[in-house]
C-alpha atoms as a PDB file:
ATOM      1  CA  MET A   1     -88.300  31.512  15.872  1.00  0.00           C
ATOM      2  CA  SER A   2     -85.342  31.877  18.209  1.00  0.00           C
ATOM      3  CA  LYS A   3     -84.617  32.189  21.890  1.00  0.00           C
ATOM      4  CA  ILE A   4     -81.893  34.395  23.376  1.00  0.00           C
ATOM      5  CA  ARG A   5     -79.503  32.602  25.711  1.00  0.00           C
ATOM      6  CA  GLY A   6     -76.444  33.804  27.534  1.00  0.00           C
ATOM      7  CA  ALA A   7     -72.934  32.407  27.394  1.00  0.00           C
ATOM      8  CA  VAL A   8     -70.642  33.163  30.339  1.00  0.00           C
ATOM      9  CA  VAL A   9     -66.850  33.147  29.895  1.00  0.00           C
ATOM     10  CA  ILE A  10     -64.838  33.234  33.122  1.00  0.00           C
ATOM     11  CA  ASP A  11     -61.107  33.888  33.408  1.00  0.00           C
ATOM     12  CA  ARG A  12     -60.494  31.331  36.167  1.00  0.00           C
ATOM     13  CA  GLU A  13     -56.891  32.342  36.757  1.00  0.00           C
ATOM     14  CA  ARG A  14     -57.825  35.957  37.531  1.00  0.00           C
ATOM     15  CA  CYS A  15     -60.875  35.132  39.682  1.00  0.00           C
ATOM     16  CA  LYS A  16     -60.357  35.521  43.425  1.00  0.00           C
ATOM     17  CA  GLY A  17     -63.598  33.858  44.521  1.00  0.00           C
ATOM     18  CA  CYS A  18     -65.251  36.926  46.039  1.00  0.00           C
ATOM     19  CA  ASN A  19     -68.729  35.407  45.423  1.00  0.00           C
ATOM     20  CA  LEU A  20     -70.281  38.700  44.239  1.00  0.00           C
ATOM     21  CA  CYS A  21     -71.215  37.228  40.859  1.00  0.00           C
ATOM     22  CA  VAL A  22     -72.906  34.218  42.455  1.00  0.00           C
ATOM     23  CA  VAL A  23     -75.082  36.494  44.580  1.00  0.00           C
ATOM     24  CA  ALA A  24     -75.900  38.798  41.619  1.00  0.00           C
ATOM     25  CA  CYS A  25     -77.020  36.003  39.272  1.00  0.00           C
ATOM     26  CA  PRO A  26     -80.851  35.978  39.080  1.00  0.00           C
ATOM     27  CA  THR A  27     -80.981  32.447  37.611  1.00  0.00           C
ATOM     28  CA  LYS A  28     -78.445  30.887  40.031  1.00  0.00           C
ATOM     29  CA  THR A  29     -76.285  29.791  37.085  1.00  0.00           C
ATOM     30  CA  LEU A  30     -72.955  30.526  38.787  1.00  0.00           C
ATOM     31  CA  SER A  31     -71.272  28.981  41.806  1.00  0.00           C
ATOM     32  CA  LEU A  32     -67.799  28.723  43.306  1.00  0.00           C
ATOM     33  CA  SER A  33     -65.652  25.721  42.485  1.00  0.00           C
ATOM     34  CA  GLN A  34     -65.665  22.856  44.953  1.00  0.00           C
ATOM     35  CA  GLY A  35     -62.239  21.450  45.792  1.00  0.00           C
ATOM     36  CA  GLU A  36     -60.459  23.227  42.921  1.00  0.00           C
ATOM     37  CA  VAL A  37     -58.300  26.337  43.152  1.00  0.00           C
ATOM     38  CA  ASN A  38     -56.521  28.492  40.593  1.00  0.00           C
ATOM     39  CA  HIS A  39     -52.767  29.161  40.529  1.00  0.00           C
ATOM     40  CA  LYS A  40     -53.186  31.898  43.162  1.00  0.00           C
ATOM     41  CA  GLY A  41     -54.892  29.479  45.565  1.00  0.00           C
ATOM     42  CA  TYR A  42     -58.418  30.917  45.270  1.00  0.00           C
ATOM     43  CA  THR A  43     -61.620  29.050  44.553  1.00  0.00           C
ATOM     44  CA  PHE A  44     -63.053  30.434  41.335  1.00  0.00           C
ATOM     45  CA  CYS A  45     -66.416  31.036  39.729  1.00  0.00           C
ATOM     46  CA  VAL A  46     -67.855  28.337  37.449  1.00  0.00           C
ATOM     47  CA  ASP A  47     -70.881  28.217  35.161  1.00  0.00           C
ATOM     48  CA  THR A  48     -73.061  25.383  36.486  1.00  0.00           C
ATOM     49  CA  GLY A  49     -75.961  25.270  34.070  1.00  0.00           C
ATOM     50  CA  ASP A  50     -77.724  26.341  30.914  1.00  0.00           C
ATOM     51  CA  ALA A  51     -80.095  28.783  32.595  1.00  0.00           C
ATOM     52  CA  CYS A  52     -78.109  31.942  31.737  1.00  0.00           C
ATOM     53  CA  ILE A  53     -80.321  34.652  30.238  1.00  0.00           C
ATOM     54  CA  GLY A  54     -77.450  36.981  29.285  1.00  0.00           C
ATOM     55  CA  CYS A  55     -78.330  39.761  31.726  1.00  0.00           C
ATOM     56  CA  ALA A  56     -74.610  40.382  32.514  1.00  0.00           C
ATOM     57  CA  SER A  57     -75.284  41.164  36.197  1.00  0.00           C
ATOM     58  CA  CYS A  58     -72.341  38.957  37.123  1.00  0.00           C
ATOM     59  CA  ALA A  59     -69.968  40.839  34.824  1.00  0.00           C
ATOM     60  CA  LEU A  60     -71.126  44.207  36.165  1.00  0.00           C
ATOM     61  CA  VAL A  61     -70.382  43.356  39.800  1.00  0.00           C
ATOM     62  CA  CYS A  62     -67.065  41.562  39.205  1.00  0.00           C
ATOM     63  CA  PRO A  63     -64.377  43.810  40.722  1.00  0.00           C
ATOM     64  CA  ASP A  64     -61.595  42.218  38.659  1.00  0.00           C
ATOM     65  CA  GLY A  65     -63.356  42.076  35.280  1.00  0.00           C
ATOM     66  CA  CYS A  66     -62.994  38.295  35.043  1.00  0.00           C
ATOM     67  CA  ILE A  67     -66.391  37.651  33.475  1.00  0.00           C
ATOM     68  CA  SER A  68     -67.618  38.247  29.927  1.00  0.00           C
ATOM     69  CA  VAL A  69     -71.202  37.545  28.917  1.00  0.00           C
ATOM     70  CA  TYR A  70     -72.325  36.962  25.347  1.00  0.00           C
ATOM     71  CA  LYS A  71     -75.842  36.634  24.003  1.00  0.00           C
ATOM     72  CA  THR A  72     -76.499  33.857  21.524  1.00  0.00           C
ATOM     73  CA  LYS A  73     -79.563  32.906  19.495  1.00  0.00           C
ATOM     74  CA  GLU A  74     -80.882  29.405  19.837  1.00  0.00           C
ATOM     75  CA  TRP A  75     -83.133  28.456  16.947  1.00  0.00           C
ATOM     76  CA  LEU A  76     -86.160  26.418  17.907  1.00  0.00           C
END
């Protein structure tokens, strides 16, 4: 038996911190960095937990294409 989980990969250097992905995430897995900025001076999106279900809502709303979502199987 297995469970499908999501894995979020974020290109932090391209992210401009628009917050659209954070709002779109149904499991509240994403947030903006606190006190860290990328080389452009923007706060960036970070994955804050293991609750990702792989829905890819965050990747769909990202205007810069900074987010990739992969589905993985977790064997129980």
